[in-house]
N, C-alpha and C. Protein backbone atom coordinates (compact mmCIF):
# COMPACT_ATOMS: atom_id res chain seq x y z
N MET A 1 -111.84 59.70 168.79
CA MET A 1 -110.90 59.49 169.89
C MET A 1 -111.63 59.72 171.21
N ASP A 2 -111.31 58.90 172.16
CA ASP A 2 -111.94 59.07 173.46
C ASP A 2 -111.08 59.95 174.36
N ARG A 3 -111.56 60.15 175.56
CA ARG A 3 -110.91 61.08 176.49
C ARG A 3 -109.46 60.67 176.80
N ARG A 4 -109.21 59.39 176.92
CA ARG A 4 -107.88 58.89 177.23
C ARG A 4 -106.87 59.27 176.14
N HIS A 5 -107.28 59.18 174.89
CA HIS A 5 -106.40 59.55 173.78
C HIS A 5 -106.11 61.05 173.77
N TRP A 6 -107.10 61.86 174.07
CA TRP A 6 -106.88 63.31 174.12
C TRP A 6 -105.89 63.68 175.22
N ILE A 7 -106.03 63.04 176.38
CA ILE A 7 -105.10 63.31 177.48
C ILE A 7 -103.69 62.89 177.10
N LEU A 8 -103.56 61.73 176.48
CA LEU A 8 -102.25 61.25 176.04
C LEU A 8 -101.65 62.20 175.01
N LEU A 9 -102.46 62.70 174.09
CA LEU A 9 -101.98 63.65 173.08
C LEU A 9 -101.51 64.94 173.73
N ILE A 10 -102.26 65.45 174.69
CA ILE A 10 -101.88 66.69 175.38
C ILE A 10 -100.58 66.49 176.15
N VAL A 11 -100.43 65.36 176.83
CA VAL A 11 -99.21 65.08 177.59
C VAL A 11 -98.02 64.94 176.63
N ALA A 12 -98.21 64.28 175.51
CA ALA A 12 -97.12 64.12 174.55
C ALA A 12 -96.70 65.47 173.98
N LEU A 13 -97.67 66.33 173.65
CA LEU A 13 -97.33 67.66 173.14
C LEU A 13 -96.62 68.51 174.19
N ALA A 14 -97.03 68.37 175.44
CA ALA A 14 -96.37 69.11 176.52
C ALA A 14 -94.93 68.63 176.68
N CYS A 15 -94.71 67.34 176.58
CA CYS A 15 -93.34 66.81 176.67
C CYS A 15 -92.47 67.29 175.52
N ILE A 16 -93.02 67.31 174.32
CA ILE A 16 -92.27 67.80 173.16
C ILE A 16 -91.94 69.28 173.33
N ALA A 17 -92.90 70.07 173.81
CA ALA A 17 -92.66 71.49 174.03
C ALA A 17 -91.60 71.71 175.10
N ALA A 18 -91.64 70.93 176.17
CA ALA A 18 -90.64 71.05 177.24
C ALA A 18 -89.25 70.67 176.73
N LEU A 19 -89.17 69.63 175.94
CA LEU A 19 -87.89 69.22 175.38
C LEU A 19 -87.34 70.29 174.44
N GLY A 20 -88.21 70.87 173.63
CA GLY A 20 -87.78 71.95 172.74
C GLY A 20 -87.30 73.16 173.51
N ALA A 21 -88.01 73.52 174.57
CA ALA A 21 -87.59 74.66 175.39
C ALA A 21 -86.26 74.38 176.07
N TRP A 22 -86.05 73.14 176.51
CA TRP A 22 -84.79 72.78 177.14
C TRP A 22 -83.64 72.87 176.15
N ILE A 23 -83.85 72.41 174.93
CA ILE A 23 -82.81 72.46 173.90
C ILE A 23 -82.48 73.92 173.56
N VAL A 24 -83.49 74.76 173.44
CA VAL A 24 -83.25 76.18 173.15
C VAL A 24 -82.48 76.83 174.28
N GLU A 25 -82.85 76.54 175.52
CA GLU A 25 -82.15 77.12 176.66
C GLU A 25 -80.71 76.62 176.72
N LEU A 26 -80.50 75.34 176.45
CA LEU A 26 -79.16 74.77 176.45
C LEU A 26 -78.31 75.42 175.37
N ASP A 27 -78.87 75.59 174.18
CA ASP A 27 -78.15 76.22 173.07
C ASP A 27 -77.81 77.66 173.41
N TRP A 28 -78.75 78.37 174.00
CA TRP A 28 -78.52 79.77 174.37
C TRP A 28 -77.43 79.87 175.43
N GLY A 29 -77.44 78.99 176.39
CA GLY A 29 -76.43 78.99 177.44
C GLY A 29 -75.05 78.65 176.90
N LEU A 30 -74.99 77.69 175.97
CA LEU A 30 -73.70 77.33 175.38
C LEU A 30 -73.14 78.46 174.53
N SER A 31 -73.99 79.09 173.74
CA SER A 31 -73.50 80.18 172.89
C SER A 31 -73.06 81.36 173.73
N GLU A 32 -73.73 81.57 174.86
CA GLU A 32 -73.34 82.66 175.75
C GLU A 32 -71.99 82.38 176.40
N SER A 33 -71.75 81.13 176.75
CA SER A 33 -70.48 80.79 177.40
C SER A 33 -69.33 80.73 176.41
N MET A 34 -69.62 80.56 175.13
CA MET A 34 -68.55 80.47 174.13
C MET A 34 -68.19 81.82 173.53
N ASP A 35 -68.97 82.85 173.80
CA ASP A 35 -68.65 84.17 173.28
C ASP A 35 -67.35 84.65 173.93
N PRO A 36 -66.50 85.30 173.15
CA PRO A 36 -65.25 85.80 173.76
C PRO A 36 -65.54 86.88 174.79
N ALA A 37 -64.70 86.96 175.78
CA ALA A 37 -64.86 87.98 176.81
C ALA A 37 -64.64 89.36 176.21
N PRO A 38 -65.37 90.36 176.68
CA PRO A 38 -65.17 91.70 176.13
C PRO A 38 -63.75 92.21 176.44
N ALA A 39 -63.20 92.89 175.47
CA ALA A 39 -61.85 93.42 175.64
C ALA A 39 -61.87 94.56 176.67
N THR A 40 -60.97 94.47 177.61
CA THR A 40 -60.88 95.53 178.63
C THR A 40 -59.56 96.25 178.43
N SER A 41 -59.60 97.54 178.61
CA SER A 41 -58.35 98.31 178.47
C SER A 41 -57.56 98.22 179.75
N GLN A 42 -56.31 97.87 179.61
CA GLN A 42 -55.43 97.75 180.76
C GLN A 42 -54.41 98.88 180.74
N PRO A 43 -54.18 99.51 181.86
CA PRO A 43 -53.18 100.60 181.88
C PRO A 43 -51.78 100.06 181.65
N ARG A 44 -50.99 100.83 180.97
CA ARG A 44 -49.61 100.41 180.67
C ARG A 44 -48.63 100.95 181.65
């Protein structure tokens, strides 16, 4: 493989890593927003 192919491979791997990080962050944010609110004690 020549230099052009190595650069293309590195860019493709970086894009895949960025997409994976975005999906993980999105999943983490969604699960955080779907968690029920903590129960608070209210005076009677």
